[in-house]
Amino acid sequence: MRRVVLLLLALASTLAAALPPAPASAQGPTDAPGVTLVLCCPEAGWPPYNVPCASGPGCGIMPDIFLEAARALGAEVVIRNFPEKRSLLLLEEGRVDVYSKAKQWVTDPERFAWSTPVLPSRDVLAVPADCPRAIDGPADLAGLRLGTVLGYSYPALEEALASGAVTRDDAPDTASQLRKLLHGRTDAAVVNELVARWVLRDQGENGADALRFSRGAVGLAWLRFAFTRARDWEPFIARLDAEIERMRADGRLQAILDAYR
């Protein structure tokens, strides 16, 4: 029995050591000069929005935007990488300070304090560049095999998919989805536009010129910065929102986007 207790204590110590420490500035004002924030990023990444790395810039569009805004506000940023579910748990507990996410993708989003919208995540329809058929919306997909990602839902296309007017063809990820499209195994695909352009660039598949994207979106969510409510980050969030708008106006935000195209 004593041995079991000792093993449990050792396991608890190991798990505790694996957790990130509370931010160094946890006892001070969150809007003081030199405040330190722990920015949590998804371990698996979601390029180009998030690219796994230990320090930036170069950690993806959203971390790079945050790093630039924080620099301008005189704040220090420490980057930590954890799996998605654990990241949100650590954020709720206050063991990390900030995470990037779309508000509508989070269960009970009011657990967190949110910045204003920062960057749109657009789902669009894609076809090979030489496709003779115009594909600009769900009505244009009738009779086609549509490339999708396993486990993803597409509310704007739900009716067409459920009725059988459009055949759903799942792939494990965007890269596989685009390969199937470019090799004629599907007729069209529903993709996040920035992710698709990144994959094409990264894989050397003739660049984004290999595809034609619909002008209209079939899904839209705005990425923001979610802050823990374990500390009062509201004054900092107000300054962050204002700085991001300055970045939008003076071209710094666009320069970050351009670096990932």
Protein backbone atom coordinates (compact mmCIF):
# COMPACT_ATOMS: atom_id res chain seq x y z
CA MET A 1 0.00 0.00 0.00
CA ARG A 2 2.81 2.40 0.91
CA ARG A 3 4.46 1.68 -2.42
CA VAL A 4 1.23 2.53 -4.30
CA VAL A 5 0.92 5.82 -2.42
CA LEU A 6 4.54 6.70 -3.24
CA LEU A 7 3.96 5.91 -6.92
CA LEU A 8 0.87 8.10 -7.00
CA LEU A 9 2.75 10.96 -5.35
CA ALA A 10 5.57 10.61 -7.88
CA LEU A 11 3.09 10.62 -10.76
CA ALA A 12 1.39 13.74 -9.39
CA SER A 13 4.76 15.48 -9.11
CA THR A 14 5.61 14.57 -12.70
CA LEU A 15 2.30 15.90 -14.01
CA ALA A 16 2.66 19.09 -12.00
CA ALA A 17 6.15 19.64 -13.40
CA ALA A 18 4.80 19.20 -16.93
CA LEU A 19 2.36 22.07 -16.50
CA PRO A 20 3.53 25.57 -17.35
CA PRO A 21 4.21 27.81 -14.38
CA ALA A 22 1.93 30.71 -13.64
CA PRO A 23 3.01 33.84 -15.53
CA ALA A 24 5.87 35.70 -13.87
CA SER A 25 3.76 38.84 -13.65
CA ALA A 26 0.77 37.04 -12.07
CA GLN A 27 0.79 39.26 -8.97
CA GLY A 28 1.21 42.57 -10.78
CA PRO A 29 -1.13 44.78 -12.85
CA THR A 30 -1.88 43.26 -16.25
CA ASP A 31 -1.47 46.61 -18.00
CA ALA A 32 1.82 47.65 -16.39
CA PRO A 33 4.87 48.37 -18.61
CA GLY A 34 6.87 45.20 -19.22
CA VAL A 35 3.99 42.85 -18.32
CA THR A 36 4.66 39.27 -19.43
CA LEU A 37 2.02 37.15 -21.16
CA VAL A 38 2.11 33.44 -21.95
CA LEU A 39 0.78 32.92 -25.46
CA CYS A 40 -0.39 29.35 -25.97
CA CYS A 41 -0.27 27.92 -29.50
CA PRO A 42 -1.72 24.60 -30.74
CA GLU A 43 0.95 21.92 -30.66
CA ALA A 44 -0.11 20.43 -33.99
CA GLY A 45 -0.32 23.86 -35.60
CA TRP A 46 -2.71 25.04 -38.30
CA PRO A 47 -0.50 26.69 -40.93
CA PRO A 48 -0.46 29.46 -41.88
CA TYR A 49 -2.60 30.68 -38.96
CA ASN A 50 -0.41 28.87 -36.42
CA VAL A 51 2.98 27.28 -37.15
CA PRO A 52 4.58 25.25 -34.32
CA CYS A 53 7.62 27.05 -32.95
CA ALA A 54 9.21 28.03 -29.65
CA SER A 55 9.65 31.74 -30.36
CA GLY A 56 8.70 34.21 -33.03
CA PRO A 57 8.24 35.80 -35.38
CA GLY A 58 7.57 32.94 -37.81
CA CYS A 59 5.00 31.17 -35.62
CA GLY A 60 2.09 31.83 -37.96
CA ILE A 61 -0.17 34.75 -38.80
CA MET A 62 -2.02 35.00 -35.49
CA PRO A 63 1.01 34.66 -33.17
CA ASP A 64 2.99 37.09 -35.33
CA ILE A 65 0.17 39.65 -35.13
CA PHE A 66 0.08 39.26 -31.36
CA LEU A 67 3.87 39.48 -31.02
CA GLU A 68 4.01 42.69 -33.07
CA ALA A 69 1.14 44.29 -31.16
CA ALA A 70 2.59 43.26 -27.79
CA ARG A 71 6.00 44.65 -28.77
CA ALA A 72 4.43 47.99 -29.63
CA LEU A 73 2.64 47.98 -26.25
CA GLY A 74 5.84 47.21 -24.34
CA ALA A 75 4.73 43.72 -23.26
CA GLU A 76 6.85 40.58 -23.17
CA VAL A 77 5.53 37.34 -24.68
CA VAL A 78 6.47 33.75 -23.87
CA ILE A 79 5.21 31.09 -26.31
CA ARG A 80 4.12 27.64 -25.13
CA ASN A 81 2.76 24.80 -27.27
CA PHE A 82 0.13 22.32 -26.06
CA PRO A 83 -2.61 20.16 -27.63
CA GLU A 84 -5.83 21.99 -28.41
CA LYS A 85 -8.03 20.68 -25.58
CA ARG A 86 -5.29 21.10 -23.00
CA SER A 87 -4.59 24.63 -24.23
CA LEU A 88 -8.16 25.70 -23.54
CA LEU A 89 -8.09 24.03 -20.12
CA LEU A 90 -4.84 25.80 -19.20
CA LEU A 91 -6.32 29.07 -20.45
CA GLU A 92 -9.41 28.63 -18.27
CA GLU A 93 -7.22 27.82 -15.25
CA GLY A 94 -5.01 30.86 -15.84
CA ARG A 95 -1.82 28.84 -16.43
CA VAL A 96 -1.52 30.52 -19.82
CA ASP A 97 -2.83 33.97 -20.68
CA VAL A 98 -3.91 34.05 -24.29
CA TYR A 99 -4.85 31.75 -27.18
CA SER A 100 -6.09 32.47 -30.72
CA LYS A 101 -9.43 31.01 -31.78
CA ALA A 102 -12.76 31.89 -33.37
CA LYS A 103 -15.37 32.56 -30.73
CA GLN A 104 -17.99 30.35 -32.40
CA TRP A 105 -15.60 27.39 -32.35
CA VAL A 106 -15.43 27.35 -28.55
CA THR A 107 -17.94 25.74 -26.19
CA ASP A 108 -19.16 28.30 -23.65
CA PRO A 109 -16.97 31.11 -25.05
CA GLU A 110 -17.83 33.46 -22.18
CA ARG A 111 -15.35 31.47 -20.08
CA PHE A 112 -12.79 33.72 -21.72
CA ALA A 113 -12.31 37.43 -22.39
CA TRP A 114 -12.07 38.16 -26.12
CA SER A 115 -10.38 40.71 -28.31
CA THR A 116 -12.30 42.26 -31.19
CA PRO A 117 -12.20 40.26 -34.47
CA VAL A 118 -8.69 40.14 -35.92
CA LEU A 119 -8.60 37.95 -39.04
CA PRO A 120 -11.30 36.22 -41.11
CA SER A 121 -11.15 32.47 -41.65
CA ARG A 122 -12.92 31.95 -44.99
CA ASP A 123 -14.11 28.63 -46.37
CA VAL A 124 -14.45 28.79 -50.15
CA LEU A 125 -15.01 26.40 -53.02
CA ALA A 126 -12.02 25.41 -55.15
CA VAL A 127 -11.79 23.79 -58.58
CA PRO A 128 -8.83 23.16 -60.90
CA ALA A 129 -7.87 26.31 -62.78
CA ASP A 130 -8.82 24.72 -66.12
CA CYS A 131 -12.30 23.65 -64.95
CA PRO A 132 -14.81 24.84 -67.58
CA ARG A 133 -17.62 25.03 -65.04
CA ALA A 134 -18.21 28.13 -62.90
CA ILE A 135 -18.33 27.19 -59.21
CA ASP A 136 -19.27 30.20 -57.09
CA GLY A 137 -21.74 28.81 -54.57
CA PRO A 138 -23.58 25.73 -53.27
CA ALA A 139 -26.08 25.81 -56.15
CA ASP A 140 -23.24 25.18 -58.62
CA LEU A 141 -22.23 21.89 -56.96
CA ALA A 142 -25.23 19.79 -58.02
CA GLY A 143 -24.13 16.40 -59.31
CA LEU A 144 -20.49 16.90 -58.29
CA ARG A 145 -18.17 14.99 -55.97
CA LEU A 146 -17.03 17.47 -53.33
CA GLY A 147 -13.76 17.10 -51.47
CA THR A 148 -14.17 17.61 -47.71
CA VAL A 149 -12.12 16.97 -44.57
CA LEU A 150 -13.06 14.09 -42.30
CA GLY A 151 -14.81 15.27 -39.14
CA TYR A 152 -15.46 18.80 -40.41
CA SER A 153 -18.98 20.18 -40.71
CA TYR A 154 -20.09 22.61 -43.41
CA PRO A 155 -23.36 24.27 -42.35
CA ALA A 156 -23.80 26.18 -45.62
CA LEU A 157 -23.57 22.91 -47.59
CA GLU A 158 -25.44 20.69 -45.16
CA GLU A 159 -28.70 20.61 -47.11
CA ALA A 160 -27.03 19.79 -50.44
CA LEU A 161 -24.90 17.06 -48.86
CA ALA A 162 -27.78 15.53 -46.89
CA SER A 163 -30.06 15.42 -49.95
CA GLY A 164 -27.49 13.62 -52.06
CA ALA A 165 -27.40 16.42 -54.63
CA VAL A 166 -23.70 16.69 -53.81
CA THR A 167 -21.51 13.69 -52.95
CA ARG A 168 -19.21 14.17 -49.98
CA ASP A 169 -15.71 12.72 -50.41
CA ASP A 170 -13.64 12.92 -47.19
CA ALA A 171 -9.87 13.27 -46.91
CA PRO A 172 -7.85 13.27 -43.68
CA ASP A 173 -6.49 16.79 -44.17
CA THR A 174 -6.30 19.71 -46.58
CA ALA A 175 -3.14 18.47 -48.30
CA SER A 176 -4.75 15.11 -49.14
CA GLN A 177 -7.95 16.90 -50.13
CA LEU A 178 -6.11 19.10 -52.64
CA ARG A 179 -4.12 16.20 -54.09
CA LYS A 180 -7.37 14.36 -54.82
CA LEU A 181 -8.78 17.49 -56.48
CA LEU A 182 -5.72 18.14 -58.62
CA HIS A 183 -5.59 14.49 -59.73
CA GLY A 184 -9.25 14.45 -60.78
CA ARG A 185 -10.58 12.23 -58.00
CA THR A 186 -13.00 14.96 -56.91
CA ASP A 187 -14.67 17.71 -58.92
CA ALA A 188 -14.43 20.51 -56.37
CA ALA A 189 -13.37 21.01 -52.76
CA VAL A 190 -14.42 23.18 -49.84
CA VAL A 191 -11.28 24.64 -48.28
CA ASN A 192 -10.02 27.35 -46.01
CA GLU A 193 -8.55 29.70 -48.59
CA LEU A 194 -5.40 30.71 -46.70
CA VAL A 195 -4.70 27.11 -45.66
CA ALA A 196 -5.14 25.89 -49.25
CA ARG A 197 -2.80 28.55 -50.62
CA TRP A 198 -0.21 27.67 -47.96
CA VAL A 199 -0.41 23.94 -48.77
CA LEU A 200 -0.03 24.57 -52.49
CA ARG A 201 2.97 26.78 -51.89
CA ASP A 202 4.52 24.38 -49.41
CA GLN A 203 4.04 21.31 -51.61
CA GLY A 204 5.09 22.98 -54.81
CA GLU A 205 1.84 22.02 -56.55
CA ASN A 206 2.26 24.78 -59.15
CA GLY A 207 1.23 27.32 -56.56
CA ALA A 208 -2.25 28.72 -56.00
CA ASP A 209 -2.51 29.23 -59.78
CA ALA A 210 -3.36 25.53 -59.99
CA LEU A 211 -6.77 26.27 -58.50
CA ARG A 212 -9.61 28.73 -58.95
CA PHE A 213 -11.38 29.88 -55.78
CA SER A 214 -14.98 31.04 -55.48
CA ARG A 215 -15.45 34.74 -54.85
CA GLY A 216 -18.02 34.18 -52.13
CA ALA A 217 -17.41 32.31 -48.89
CA VAL A 218 -19.39 29.23 -47.85
CA GLY A 219 -18.19 29.63 -44.26
CA LEU A 220 -16.80 32.57 -42.33
CA ALA A 221 -15.44 32.90 -38.80
CA TRP A 222 -13.35 35.69 -37.31
CA LEU A 223 -10.24 34.67 -35.39
CA ARG A 224 -9.62 36.60 -32.18
CA PHE A 225 -7.45 36.44 -29.10
CA ALA A 226 -9.03 34.70 -26.10
CA PHE A 227 -7.69 35.67 -22.66
CA THR A 228 -7.99 33.88 -19.36
CA ARG A 229 -10.47 35.33 -16.86
CA ALA A 230 -8.21 34.22 -13.99
CA ARG A 231 -6.65 37.68 -14.25
CA ASP A 232 -8.12 41.00 -15.31
CA TRP A 233 -6.81 41.39 -18.84
CA GLU A 234 -9.59 43.78 -19.95
CA PRO A 235 -7.44 46.97 -19.82
CA PHE A 236 -4.74 45.24 -21.87
CA ILE A 237 -7.30 43.90 -24.35
CA ALA A 238 -8.57 47.44 -24.98
CA ARG A 239 -5.02 48.60 -25.77
CA LEU A 240 -4.42 45.48 -27.90
CA ASP A 241 -7.55 46.12 -29.96
CA ALA A 242 -6.46 49.69 -30.61
CA GLU A 243 -2.93 48.62 -31.59
CA ILE A 244 -4.20 45.98 -34.02
CA GLU A 245 -6.32 48.64 -35.69
CA ARG A 246 -3.19 50.80 -36.01
CA MET A 247 -1.42 47.80 -37.56
CA ARG A 248 -4.29 47.41 -40.00
CA ALA A 249 -4.07 51.10 -40.94
CA ASP A 250 -0.29 51.42 -41.28
CA GLY A 251 0.31 48.19 -43.22
CA ARG A 252 2.04 46.13 -40.53
CA LEU A 253 -0.80 43.61 -40.40
CA GLN A 254 -0.86 43.26 -44.19
CA ALA A 255 2.92 42.71 -44.19
CA ILE A 256 2.47 39.76 -41.83
CA LEU A 257 -0.23 38.29 -44.08
CA ASP A 258 1.95 38.76 -47.16
CA ALA A 259 4.80 36.86 -45.50
CA TYR A 260 2.63 33.72 -45.43
CA ARG A 261 1.24 33.89 -48.97
